N, C-alpha and C. Protein backbone atom coordinates (compact mmCIF):
# COMPACT_ATOMS: atom_id res chain seq x y z
N UNK A 1 70.87 23.24 -71.49
CA UNK A 1 70.88 22.01 -72.27
C UNK A 1 71.28 20.84 -71.38
N UNK A 2 70.55 19.73 -71.50
CA UNK A 2 70.82 18.53 -70.70
C UNK A 2 71.62 17.52 -71.51
N UNK A 3 72.33 16.65 -70.80
CA UNK A 3 73.18 15.66 -71.46
C UNK A 3 72.97 14.30 -70.80
N UNK A 4 72.94 13.25 -71.61
CA UNK A 4 72.87 11.89 -71.06
C UNK A 4 74.28 11.41 -70.73
N UNK A 5 74.46 10.99 -69.51
CA UNK A 5 75.77 10.51 -69.08
C UNK A 5 75.59 9.15 -68.41
N UNK A 6 75.72 8.10 -69.19
CA UNK A 6 75.55 6.76 -68.64
C UNK A 6 74.20 6.53 -68.02
N UNK A 7 73.16 7.16 -68.59
CA UNK A 7 71.81 6.99 -68.05
C UNK A 7 71.39 8.06 -67.08
N UNK A 8 72.32 8.94 -66.71
CA UNK A 8 72.00 10.07 -65.83
C UNK A 8 71.87 11.32 -66.68
N UNK A 9 70.76 12.05 -66.50
CA UNK A 9 70.52 13.27 -67.24
C UNK A 9 71.13 14.43 -66.47
N UNK A 10 72.19 15.03 -67.01
CA UNK A 10 72.94 16.03 -66.25
C UNK A 10 73.09 17.33 -67.03
N UNK A 11 73.47 18.38 -66.31
CA UNK A 11 73.62 19.71 -66.89
C UNK A 11 74.99 19.88 -67.55
N UNK A 12 75.13 20.94 -68.33
CA UNK A 12 76.41 21.29 -68.94
C UNK A 12 77.45 21.55 -67.85
N UNK A 13 77.02 22.16 -66.76
CA UNK A 13 77.95 22.45 -65.66
C UNK A 13 78.54 21.16 -65.09
N UNK A 14 77.71 20.14 -64.95
CA UNK A 14 78.21 18.85 -64.44
C UNK A 14 79.19 18.22 -65.42
N UNK A 15 78.88 18.27 -66.72
CA UNK A 15 79.81 17.75 -67.73
C UNK A 15 81.14 18.49 -67.65
N UNK A 16 81.08 19.81 -67.52
CA UNK A 16 82.31 20.60 -67.43
C UNK A 16 83.14 20.21 -66.22
N UNK A 17 82.46 19.99 -65.08
CA UNK A 17 83.17 19.62 -63.86
C UNK A 17 83.81 18.23 -64.02
N UNK A 18 83.12 17.32 -64.68
CA UNK A 18 83.68 15.99 -64.94
C UNK A 18 84.88 16.07 -65.88
N UNK A 19 84.83 16.97 -66.84
CA UNK A 19 85.97 17.15 -67.72
C UNK A 19 87.16 17.73 -66.96
N UNK A 20 86.90 18.64 -66.02
CA UNK A 20 87.96 19.15 -65.15
C UNK A 20 88.58 18.02 -64.34
N UNK A 21 87.73 17.14 -63.83
CA UNK A 21 88.22 15.99 -63.07
C UNK A 21 89.09 15.09 -63.96
N UNK A 22 88.63 14.83 -65.18
CA UNK A 22 89.40 14.01 -66.11
C UNK A 22 90.78 14.62 -66.35
N UNK A 23 90.84 15.93 -66.48
CA UNK A 23 92.13 16.61 -66.68
C UNK A 23 93.04 16.44 -65.46
N UNK A 24 92.45 16.51 -64.26
CA UNK A 24 93.24 16.29 -63.04
C UNK A 24 93.80 14.87 -63.00
N UNK A 25 92.97 13.90 -63.39
CA UNK A 25 93.42 12.50 -63.40
C UNK A 25 94.59 12.34 -64.36
N UNK A 26 94.48 12.91 -65.55
CA UNK A 26 95.57 12.80 -66.53
C UNK A 26 96.86 13.42 -65.97
N UNK A 27 96.73 14.56 -65.33
CA UNK A 27 97.89 15.27 -64.78
C UNK A 27 98.57 14.45 -63.67
N UNK A 28 97.75 13.92 -62.76
CA UNK A 28 98.32 13.20 -61.61
C UNK A 28 98.78 11.79 -61.97
N UNK A 29 98.19 11.20 -63.01
CA UNK A 29 98.55 9.82 -63.37
C UNK A 29 100.01 9.74 -63.82
N UNK A 30 100.59 10.84 -64.24
CA UNK A 30 102.01 10.86 -64.60
C UNK A 30 102.87 10.52 -63.38
N UNK A 31 102.40 10.93 -62.19
CA UNK A 31 103.16 10.71 -60.96
C UNK A 31 102.66 9.54 -60.13
N UNK A 32 101.33 9.35 -60.15
CA UNK A 32 100.69 8.30 -59.34
C UNK A 32 99.88 7.40 -60.26
N UNK A 33 99.90 6.13 -60.01
CA UNK A 33 99.16 5.19 -60.86
C UNK A 33 97.67 5.21 -60.51
N UNK A 34 97.00 6.30 -60.90
CA UNK A 34 95.57 6.42 -60.61
C UNK A 34 94.75 5.49 -61.51
N UNK A 35 95.12 5.45 -62.78
CA UNK A 35 94.49 4.54 -63.74
C UNK A 35 95.59 3.89 -64.57
N UNK A 36 95.25 2.81 -65.23
CA UNK A 36 96.23 2.15 -66.09
C UNK A 36 96.62 3.09 -67.23
N UNK A 37 97.91 3.26 -67.50
CA UNK A 37 98.34 4.13 -68.60
C UNK A 37 97.67 3.79 -69.93
N UNK A 38 97.34 2.51 -70.12
CA UNK A 38 96.73 2.09 -71.38
C UNK A 38 95.31 2.62 -71.56
N UNK A 39 94.71 3.13 -70.46
CA UNK A 39 93.33 3.63 -70.54
C UNK A 39 93.24 5.15 -70.51
N UNK A 40 94.38 5.84 -70.50
CA UNK A 40 94.36 7.30 -70.45
C UNK A 40 93.66 7.88 -71.67
N UNK A 41 93.92 7.32 -72.83
CA UNK A 41 93.33 7.84 -74.06
C UNK A 41 91.82 7.63 -74.11
N UNK A 42 91.32 6.63 -73.41
CA UNK A 42 89.88 6.33 -73.41
C UNK A 42 89.26 6.63 -72.04
N UNK A 43 89.86 7.58 -71.33
CA UNK A 43 89.45 7.87 -69.95
C UNK A 43 87.97 8.18 -69.82
N UNK A 44 87.43 8.99 -70.75
CA UNK A 44 86.03 9.39 -70.62
C UNK A 44 85.10 8.18 -70.67
N UNK A 45 85.26 7.33 -71.65
CA UNK A 45 84.39 6.16 -71.79
C UNK A 45 84.72 5.09 -70.73
N UNK A 46 86.00 4.81 -70.60
CA UNK A 46 86.43 3.69 -69.76
C UNK A 46 86.25 3.94 -68.27
N UNK A 47 86.38 5.20 -67.85
CA UNK A 47 86.32 5.48 -66.42
C UNK A 47 85.17 6.42 -66.02
N UNK A 48 85.00 7.52 -66.74
CA UNK A 48 83.96 8.49 -66.36
C UNK A 48 82.56 7.90 -66.59
N UNK A 49 82.28 7.48 -67.82
CA UNK A 49 80.94 6.93 -68.11
C UNK A 49 80.72 5.62 -67.37
N UNK A 50 81.76 4.81 -67.29
CA UNK A 50 81.65 3.53 -66.56
C UNK A 50 81.26 3.78 -65.10
N UNK A 51 81.80 4.83 -64.51
CA UNK A 51 81.46 5.18 -63.12
C UNK A 51 80.08 5.82 -63.04
N UNK A 52 79.79 6.73 -63.98
CA UNK A 52 78.54 7.49 -63.94
C UNK A 52 77.31 6.59 -64.06
N UNK A 53 77.44 5.47 -64.78
CA UNK A 53 76.26 4.64 -65.04
C UNK A 53 75.62 4.09 -63.77
N UNK A 54 76.38 3.98 -62.69
CA UNK A 54 75.79 3.40 -61.48
C UNK A 54 74.82 4.36 -60.81
N UNK A 55 74.91 5.66 -61.14
CA UNK A 55 74.00 6.62 -60.50
C UNK A 55 72.55 6.29 -60.82
N UNK A 56 72.30 5.69 -61.98
CA UNK A 56 70.93 5.33 -62.37
C UNK A 56 70.34 4.27 -61.44
N UNK A 57 71.19 3.53 -60.73
CA UNK A 57 70.72 2.50 -59.80
C UNK A 57 70.47 3.03 -58.40
N UNK A 58 70.84 4.29 -58.16
CA UNK A 58 70.65 4.88 -56.83
C UNK A 58 69.19 5.26 -56.62
N UNK A 59 68.70 5.22 -55.39
CA UNK A 59 67.34 5.69 -55.12
C UNK A 59 67.22 7.18 -55.38
N UNK A 60 66.01 7.66 -55.59
CA UNK A 60 65.80 9.08 -55.88
C UNK A 60 66.22 9.98 -54.72
N UNK A 61 66.14 9.43 -53.52
CA UNK A 61 66.51 10.22 -52.35
C UNK A 61 67.43 9.39 -51.44
N UNK A 62 68.51 9.99 -51.02
CA UNK A 62 69.43 9.35 -50.08
C UNK A 62 70.20 10.44 -49.34
N UNK A 63 70.75 10.09 -48.18
CA UNK A 63 71.47 11.07 -47.38
C UNK A 63 72.98 10.86 -47.40
N UNK A 64 73.42 9.59 -47.54
CA UNK A 64 74.86 9.34 -47.45
C UNK A 64 75.27 8.23 -48.41
N UNK A 65 76.26 8.54 -49.24
CA UNK A 65 76.83 7.59 -50.20
C UNK A 65 78.30 7.40 -49.84
N UNK A 66 78.71 6.16 -49.61
CA UNK A 66 80.09 5.84 -49.27
C UNK A 66 80.70 4.99 -50.38
N UNK A 67 81.83 5.43 -50.89
CA UNK A 67 82.57 4.68 -51.90
C UNK A 67 83.79 4.07 -51.24
N UNK A 68 83.93 2.75 -51.33
CA UNK A 68 85.04 2.08 -50.65
C UNK A 68 86.13 1.70 -51.65
N UNK A 69 87.39 1.85 -51.21
CA UNK A 69 88.50 1.59 -52.11
C UNK A 69 88.48 2.52 -53.30
N UNK A 70 88.38 3.83 -53.04
CA UNK A 70 88.08 4.80 -54.09
C UNK A 70 89.17 4.98 -55.13
N UNK A 71 90.42 4.66 -54.78
CA UNK A 71 91.50 4.75 -55.75
C UNK A 71 91.62 6.14 -56.35
N UNK A 72 91.51 6.23 -57.68
CA UNK A 72 91.62 7.50 -58.37
C UNK A 72 90.32 8.27 -58.45
N UNK A 73 89.29 7.83 -57.71
CA UNK A 73 88.03 8.56 -57.68
C UNK A 73 86.93 7.96 -58.54
N UNK A 74 87.14 6.70 -58.93
CA UNK A 74 86.14 6.00 -59.75
C UNK A 74 85.56 4.84 -58.96
N UNK A 75 84.26 4.90 -58.63
CA UNK A 75 83.29 5.90 -59.06
C UNK A 75 83.08 7.07 -58.09
N UNK A 76 83.77 7.11 -56.96
CA UNK A 76 83.42 8.05 -55.89
C UNK A 76 83.33 9.51 -56.28
N UNK A 77 84.38 10.03 -56.92
CA UNK A 77 84.36 11.45 -57.31
C UNK A 77 83.31 11.69 -58.39
N UNK A 78 83.19 10.75 -59.32
CA UNK A 78 82.23 10.92 -60.42
C UNK A 78 80.80 11.01 -59.88
N UNK A 79 80.42 10.09 -58.98
CA UNK A 79 79.04 10.13 -58.46
C UNK A 79 78.83 11.34 -57.55
N UNK A 80 79.90 11.78 -56.87
CA UNK A 80 79.78 12.98 -56.04
C UNK A 80 79.55 14.22 -56.90
N UNK A 81 80.18 14.28 -58.06
CA UNK A 81 79.97 15.40 -58.98
C UNK A 81 78.53 15.39 -59.50
N UNK A 82 78.04 14.21 -59.88
CA UNK A 82 76.65 14.12 -60.32
C UNK A 82 75.70 14.45 -59.16
N UNK A 83 76.04 13.95 -57.98
CA UNK A 83 75.22 14.19 -56.80
C UNK A 83 75.15 15.66 -56.41
N UNK A 84 76.19 16.42 -56.70
CA UNK A 84 76.19 17.86 -56.40
C UNK A 84 75.01 18.54 -57.10
N UNK A 85 74.67 18.03 -58.29
CA UNK A 85 73.52 18.56 -59.02
C UNK A 85 72.21 17.88 -58.63
N UNK A 86 72.26 16.54 -58.53
CA UNK A 86 71.03 15.77 -58.37
C UNK A 86 70.53 15.71 -56.92
N UNK A 87 71.49 15.62 -55.99
CA UNK A 87 71.14 15.42 -54.58
C UNK A 87 72.05 16.32 -53.73
N UNK A 88 71.87 17.64 -53.83
CA UNK A 88 72.83 18.58 -53.24
C UNK A 88 72.97 18.51 -51.73
N UNK A 89 72.00 17.93 -51.04
CA UNK A 89 72.10 17.84 -49.58
C UNK A 89 72.75 16.54 -49.11
N UNK A 90 73.05 15.64 -50.05
CA UNK A 90 73.62 14.34 -49.68
C UNK A 90 75.10 14.48 -49.33
N UNK A 91 75.55 13.55 -48.49
CA UNK A 91 76.95 13.49 -48.08
C UNK A 91 77.63 12.36 -48.84
N UNK A 92 78.82 12.62 -49.37
CA UNK A 92 79.60 11.61 -50.06
C UNK A 92 80.91 11.40 -49.31
N UNK A 93 81.23 10.13 -49.03
CA UNK A 93 82.44 9.79 -48.30
C UNK A 93 83.24 8.79 -49.13
N UNK A 94 84.53 9.06 -49.30
CA UNK A 94 85.42 8.17 -50.05
C UNK A 94 86.43 7.57 -49.08
N UNK A 95 86.53 6.26 -49.06
CA UNK A 95 87.49 5.57 -48.19
C UNK A 95 88.62 5.02 -49.06
N UNK A 96 89.84 5.46 -48.79
CA UNK A 96 91.00 5.05 -49.58
C UNK A 96 92.23 5.00 -48.67
N UNK A 97 92.87 3.84 -48.58
CA UNK A 97 93.98 3.67 -47.66
C UNK A 97 95.32 4.18 -48.20
N UNK A 98 95.47 4.24 -49.52
CA UNK A 98 96.71 4.73 -50.12
C UNK A 98 96.79 6.25 -49.91
N UNK A 99 97.80 6.70 -49.16
CA UNK A 99 97.86 8.11 -48.77
C UNK A 99 98.05 9.03 -49.97
N UNK A 100 98.79 8.59 -50.98
CA UNK A 100 98.98 9.44 -52.17
C UNK A 100 97.67 9.60 -52.93
N UNK A 101 96.93 8.50 -53.05
CA UNK A 101 95.63 8.60 -53.73
C UNK A 101 94.64 9.41 -52.90
N UNK A 102 94.70 9.26 -51.59
CA UNK A 102 93.82 10.06 -50.72
C UNK A 102 94.12 11.55 -50.87
N UNK A 103 95.40 11.88 -51.02
CA UNK A 103 95.79 13.28 -51.25
C UNK A 103 95.23 13.78 -52.57
N UNK A 104 95.29 12.95 -53.61
CA UNK A 104 94.71 13.32 -54.89
C UNK A 104 93.20 13.56 -54.76
N UNK A 105 92.52 12.65 -54.08
CA UNK A 105 91.07 12.77 -53.91
C UNK A 105 90.71 14.07 -53.20
N UNK A 106 91.45 14.40 -52.16
CA UNK A 106 91.19 15.64 -51.43
C UNK A 106 91.45 16.87 -52.31
N UNK A 107 92.49 16.79 -53.13
CA UNK A 107 92.78 17.88 -54.06
C UNK A 107 91.64 18.06 -55.05
N UNK A 108 91.15 16.96 -55.62
CA UNK A 108 90.04 17.02 -56.58
C UNK A 108 88.79 17.60 -55.92
N UNK A 109 88.49 17.17 -54.71
CA UNK A 109 87.32 17.66 -53.98
C UNK A 109 87.41 19.17 -53.76
N UNK A 110 88.60 19.61 -53.38
CA UNK A 110 88.79 21.05 -53.11
C UNK A 110 88.71 21.86 -54.41
N UNK A 111 89.42 21.43 -55.44
CA UNK A 111 89.49 22.22 -56.67
C UNK A 111 88.17 22.22 -57.44
N UNK A 112 87.42 21.12 -57.33
CA UNK A 112 86.16 21.02 -58.07
C UNK A 112 84.95 21.41 -57.23
N UNK A 113 85.22 21.75 -55.96
CA UNK A 113 84.16 22.20 -55.05
C UNK A 113 83.04 21.16 -54.95
N UNK A 114 83.44 19.97 -54.57
CA UNK A 114 82.52 18.84 -54.45
C UNK A 114 82.19 18.62 -52.98
N UNK A 115 80.93 18.34 -52.63
CA UNK A 115 80.55 18.07 -51.24
C UNK A 115 80.91 16.65 -50.83
N UNK A 116 82.21 16.40 -50.62
CA UNK A 116 82.66 15.06 -50.28
C UNK A 116 83.83 15.13 -49.30
N UNK A 117 84.04 14.03 -48.58
CA UNK A 117 85.17 13.93 -47.66
C UNK A 117 85.90 12.62 -47.91
N UNK A 118 87.14 12.57 -47.46
CA UNK A 118 87.98 11.38 -47.65
C UNK A 118 88.40 10.83 -46.29
N UNK A 119 88.29 9.52 -46.14
CA UNK A 119 88.83 8.82 -44.97
C UNK A 119 90.03 8.02 -45.46
N UNK A 120 91.22 8.42 -45.02
CA UNK A 120 92.44 7.75 -45.46
C UNK A 120 92.77 6.61 -44.50
N UNK A 121 92.08 5.51 -44.69
CA UNK A 121 92.25 4.35 -43.81
C UNK A 121 91.79 3.11 -44.53
N UNK A 122 92.11 1.95 -43.97
CA UNK A 122 91.65 0.70 -44.56
C UNK A 122 90.15 0.56 -44.33
N UNK A 123 89.47 -0.06 -45.27
CA UNK A 123 88.02 -0.16 -45.22
C UNK A 123 87.55 -0.85 -43.95
N UNK A 124 88.29 -1.89 -43.54
CA UNK A 124 87.87 -2.68 -42.39
C UNK A 124 88.19 -1.99 -41.06
N UNK A 125 88.95 -0.90 -41.10
CA UNK A 125 89.33 -0.16 -39.89
C UNK A 125 88.55 1.15 -39.76
N UNK A 126 88.19 1.74 -40.88
CA UNK A 126 87.44 3.00 -40.87
C UNK A 126 86.15 2.85 -40.06
N UNK A 127 85.75 3.88 -39.33
CA UNK A 127 84.52 3.80 -38.54
C UNK A 127 83.32 3.45 -39.41
N UNK A 128 82.43 2.58 -38.92
CA UNK A 128 81.22 2.24 -39.69
C UNK A 128 80.46 3.51 -40.09
N UNK A 129 80.00 3.56 -41.34
CA UNK A 129 79.47 4.80 -41.89
C UNK A 129 77.94 4.90 -41.91
N UNK A 130 77.24 3.79 -41.69
CA UNK A 130 75.77 3.83 -41.69
C UNK A 130 75.24 4.48 -42.97
N UNK A 131 75.77 4.04 -44.11
CA UNK A 131 75.45 4.66 -45.40
C UNK A 131 74.15 4.13 -45.99
N UNK A 132 73.51 4.97 -46.79
CA UNK A 132 72.36 4.54 -47.57
C UNK A 132 72.79 3.79 -48.82
N UNK A 133 73.96 4.16 -49.34
CA UNK A 133 74.53 3.52 -50.53
C UNK A 133 76.01 3.28 -50.29
N UNK A 134 76.48 2.08 -50.65
CA UNK A 134 77.91 1.79 -50.68
C UNK A 134 78.25 1.35 -52.10
N UNK A 135 79.29 1.93 -52.66
CA UNK A 135 79.72 1.54 -54.00
C UNK A 135 81.17 1.06 -53.97
N UNK A 136 81.52 0.26 -54.98
CA UNK A 136 82.90 -0.21 -55.15
C UNK A 136 83.07 -0.62 -56.60
N UNK A 137 84.25 -0.34 -57.13
CA UNK A 137 84.53 -0.65 -58.53
C UNK A 137 85.86 -1.39 -58.62
N UNK A 138 85.80 -2.58 -59.19
CA UNK A 138 87.01 -3.37 -59.44
C UNK A 138 87.88 -3.51 -58.20
N UNK A 139 87.25 -3.79 -57.07
CA UNK A 139 87.97 -3.81 -55.80
C UNK A 139 88.36 -5.22 -55.38
N UNK A 140 87.41 -6.14 -55.39
CA UNK A 140 87.70 -7.50 -54.93
C UNK A 140 86.52 -8.40 -55.31
N UNK A 141 86.63 -9.67 -54.95
CA UNK A 141 85.52 -10.58 -55.20
C UNK A 141 84.33 -10.21 -54.31
N UNK A 142 83.15 -10.66 -54.67
CA UNK A 142 81.97 -10.35 -53.89
C UNK A 142 82.07 -10.91 -52.48
N UNK A 143 82.62 -12.10 -52.34
CA UNK A 143 82.78 -12.71 -51.01
C UNK A 143 83.66 -11.86 -50.11
N UNK A 144 84.69 -11.26 -50.69
CA UNK A 144 85.58 -10.39 -49.92
C UNK A 144 84.94 -9.03 -49.66
N UNK A 145 84.16 -8.56 -50.62
CA UNK A 145 83.53 -7.25 -50.50
C UNK A 145 82.43 -7.19 -49.46
N UNK A 146 81.63 -8.24 -49.37
CA UNK A 146 80.43 -8.17 -48.54
C UNK A 146 80.68 -7.84 -47.06
N UNK A 147 81.74 -8.36 -46.43
CA UNK A 147 81.99 -7.92 -45.05
C UNK A 147 82.25 -6.42 -44.95
N UNK A 148 82.96 -5.85 -45.94
CA UNK A 148 83.20 -4.40 -45.95
C UNK A 148 81.89 -3.64 -46.16
N UNK A 149 81.11 -4.10 -47.11
CA UNK A 149 79.82 -3.46 -47.39
C UNK A 149 78.93 -3.52 -46.15
N UNK A 150 78.86 -4.69 -45.54
CA UNK A 150 78.03 -4.88 -44.35
C UNK A 150 78.46 -3.96 -43.21
N UNK A 151 79.75 -3.70 -43.11
CA UNK A 151 80.28 -2.83 -42.05
C UNK A 151 79.79 -1.39 -42.23
N UNK A 152 79.70 -0.93 -43.47
CA UNK A 152 79.46 0.49 -43.72
C UNK A 152 78.05 0.83 -44.20
N UNK A 153 77.22 -0.17 -44.43
CA UNK A 153 75.87 0.06 -44.96
C UNK A 153 74.84 0.00 -43.85
N UNK A 154 73.84 0.89 -43.90
CA UNK A 154 72.77 0.77 -42.92
C UNK A 154 71.83 -0.37 -43.35
N UNK A 155 71.03 -0.89 -42.43
CA UNK A 155 70.23 -2.09 -42.73
C UNK A 155 69.29 -1.94 -43.92
N UNK A 156 68.85 -0.72 -44.20
CA UNK A 156 67.92 -0.51 -45.32
C UNK A 156 68.64 -0.07 -46.60
N UNK A 157 69.97 -0.01 -46.55
CA UNK A 157 70.73 0.52 -47.66
C UNK A 157 70.97 -0.48 -48.78
N UNK A 158 71.58 0.02 -49.86
CA UNK A 158 71.93 -0.84 -51.00
C UNK A 158 73.40 -0.67 -51.34
N UNK A 159 73.97 -1.73 -51.91
CA UNK A 159 75.32 -1.66 -52.46
C UNK A 159 75.22 -1.70 -53.97
N UNK A 160 75.99 -0.85 -54.64
CA UNK A 160 76.05 -0.83 -56.11
C UNK A 160 77.48 -1.15 -56.50
N UNK A 161 77.66 -2.29 -57.15
CA UNK A 161 79.00 -2.82 -57.37
C UNK A 161 79.26 -3.13 -58.83
N UNK A 162 80.40 -2.65 -59.33
CA UNK A 162 80.86 -3.03 -60.67
C UNK A 162 81.46 -4.44 -60.59
N UNK A 163 81.05 -5.30 -61.49
CA UNK A 163 81.60 -6.66 -61.52
C UNK A 163 81.94 -7.07 -62.94
N UNK A 164 82.94 -7.92 -63.09
CA UNK A 164 83.40 -8.36 -64.40
C UNK A 164 82.71 -9.62 -64.88
N UNK A 165 83.38 -10.32 -65.78
CA UNK A 165 82.75 -11.46 -66.45
C UNK A 165 82.51 -12.65 -65.53
N UNK A 166 83.13 -12.65 -64.35
CA UNK A 166 82.92 -13.75 -63.40
C UNK A 166 81.87 -13.41 -62.35
N UNK A 167 81.03 -12.43 -62.63
CA UNK A 167 80.04 -11.99 -61.65
C UNK A 167 79.16 -13.12 -61.15
N UNK A 168 78.67 -13.96 -62.06
CA UNK A 168 77.77 -15.05 -61.66
C UNK A 168 78.46 -16.02 -60.72
N UNK A 169 79.73 -16.33 -61.02
CA UNK A 169 80.49 -17.23 -60.15
C UNK A 169 80.69 -16.60 -58.78
N UNK A 170 80.98 -15.31 -58.75
CA UNK A 170 81.19 -14.63 -57.47
C UNK A 170 79.91 -14.60 -56.63
N UNK A 171 78.78 -14.38 -57.29
CA UNK A 171 77.49 -14.37 -56.57
C UNK A 171 77.23 -15.74 -55.96
N UNK A 172 77.45 -16.80 -56.74
CA UNK A 172 77.22 -18.16 -56.24
C UNK A 172 78.12 -18.47 -55.05
N UNK A 173 79.39 -18.07 -55.13
CA UNK A 173 80.33 -18.32 -54.02
C UNK A 173 79.93 -17.52 -52.78
N UNK A 174 79.49 -16.28 -52.98
CA UNK A 174 79.13 -15.44 -51.84
C UNK A 174 77.91 -15.97 -51.10
N UNK A 175 77.01 -16.63 -51.82
CA UNK A 175 75.79 -17.15 -51.18
C UNK A 175 76.09 -18.29 -50.21
N UNK A 176 77.29 -18.83 -50.23
CA UNK A 176 77.66 -19.86 -49.25
C UNK A 176 77.67 -19.29 -47.83
N UNK A 177 78.01 -18.01 -47.72
CA UNK A 177 78.16 -17.40 -46.39
C UNK A 177 77.27 -16.19 -46.14
N UNK A 178 76.57 -15.74 -47.18
CA UNK A 178 75.77 -14.52 -47.05
C UNK A 178 74.39 -14.70 -47.65
N UNK A 179 73.44 -13.97 -47.10
CA UNK A 179 72.10 -13.89 -47.67
C UNK A 179 71.91 -12.46 -48.19
N UNK A 180 71.35 -12.32 -49.37
CA UNK A 180 71.12 -10.98 -49.92
C UNK A 180 70.19 -11.07 -51.12
N UNK A 181 69.51 -9.96 -51.38
CA UNK A 181 68.70 -9.81 -52.59
C UNK A 181 69.59 -9.17 -53.65
N UNK A 182 69.35 -9.55 -54.89
CA UNK A 182 70.26 -9.12 -55.95
C UNK A 182 69.49 -8.71 -57.21
N UNK A 183 69.88 -7.58 -57.78
CA UNK A 183 69.44 -7.19 -59.12
C UNK A 183 70.70 -6.94 -59.93
N UNK A 184 70.73 -7.43 -61.17
CA UNK A 184 71.90 -7.18 -62.00
C UNK A 184 71.48 -6.61 -63.34
N UNK A 185 72.38 -5.86 -63.94
CA UNK A 185 72.13 -5.29 -65.26
C UNK A 185 73.45 -5.22 -66.01
N UNK A 186 73.40 -5.31 -67.33
CA UNK A 186 74.65 -5.27 -68.10
C UNK A 186 75.30 -3.89 -68.04
N UNK A 187 76.60 -3.87 -68.02
CA UNK A 187 77.33 -2.62 -68.06
C UNK A 187 77.13 -1.93 -69.41
N UNK A 188 77.08 -0.61 -69.40
CA UNK A 188 76.94 0.15 -70.64
C UNK A 188 78.26 0.27 -71.39
N UNK A 189 79.37 0.00 -70.70
CA UNK A 189 80.68 0.24 -71.30
C UNK A 189 81.50 -1.01 -71.55
N UNK A 190 81.05 -2.14 -71.01
CA UNK A 190 81.81 -3.39 -71.17
C UNK A 190 80.82 -4.54 -71.33
N UNK A 191 80.80 -5.19 -72.49
CA UNK A 191 79.82 -6.26 -72.72
C UNK A 191 79.99 -7.46 -71.81
N UNK A 192 81.14 -7.56 -71.15
CA UNK A 192 81.40 -8.70 -70.26
C UNK A 192 81.17 -8.36 -68.78
N UNK A 193 80.82 -7.12 -68.50
CA UNK A 193 80.68 -6.67 -67.11
C UNK A 193 79.22 -6.48 -66.72
N UNK A 194 78.99 -6.42 -65.41
CA UNK A 194 77.65 -6.22 -64.88
C UNK A 194 77.68 -5.21 -63.74
N UNK A 195 76.53 -4.60 -63.51
CA UNK A 195 76.33 -3.76 -62.33
C UNK A 195 75.41 -4.53 -61.39
N UNK A 196 75.88 -4.82 -60.19
CA UNK A 196 75.09 -5.54 -59.20
C UNK A 196 74.53 -4.57 -58.17
N UNK A 197 73.25 -4.68 -57.89
CA UNK A 197 72.62 -3.93 -56.80
C UNK A 197 72.25 -4.96 -55.73
N UNK A 198 72.87 -4.84 -54.57
CA UNK A 198 72.73 -5.83 -53.50
C UNK A 198 72.10 -5.17 -52.28
N UNK A 199 71.11 -5.84 -51.69
CA UNK A 199 70.48 -5.30 -50.48
C UNK A 199 70.01 -6.44 -49.59
N UNK A 200 69.55 -6.09 -48.40
CA UNK A 200 69.10 -7.12 -47.45
C UNK A 200 70.23 -8.06 -47.06
N UNK A 201 71.41 -7.51 -46.83
CA UNK A 201 72.62 -8.33 -46.59
C UNK A 201 72.65 -8.82 -45.15
N UNK A 202 72.89 -10.10 -44.98
CA UNK A 202 73.09 -10.68 -43.65
C UNK A 202 73.93 -11.93 -43.78
N UNK A 203 74.62 -12.26 -42.73
CA UNK A 203 75.44 -13.47 -42.74
C UNK A 203 74.53 -14.70 -42.68
N UNK A 204 74.90 -15.72 -43.43
CA UNK A 204 74.11 -16.94 -43.45
C UNK A 204 74.33 -17.71 -42.14
N UNK A 205 73.27 -18.25 -41.60
CA UNK A 205 73.41 -19.04 -40.38
C UNK A 205 73.95 -20.42 -40.75
N UNK A 206 74.83 -20.90 -39.90
CA UNK A 206 75.45 -22.22 -40.16
C UNK A 206 74.56 -23.35 -39.65
């Protein structure tokens, strides 16, 4: 039996693995601030589905997906779990500088048997990843994000970014210093949020 998960058609096994991940998040959030305590009760909708929806924006084939500022694994662990079914040969890399959160991510990867690795370092210091996809959720403004994305994305790659109600303002500000193609779509879980797909990124000439 197949299940719709934020636009991704997934198996029962994938749903079960995501539920295992949700249980790990609840367990660890008591000790580490992985997610806001106010969202624990709505974890599936607020974090799992919100993260899963970006998979629909990924190309049908890719070799490497890098999630920057992974925090508690949203969206990095979620897309890696989906990718285990959809794109089993792909590599998933999560970059997270907080050592406690990096430890949690490694624990989740090991216990859930996910094909992913963790780089416990700052995004701007971690070795360039030459990724086909770079994702980030609630990390920073677009102007701040683009240098990080540019560092880790290959020239033909795309960035898939969760953005809030100020997305249009952030895009306008970023265009002062960057050139890029943009596709946006409304978030499935937040009427004020958008999913931005950014590609063809280059610094604007002065």
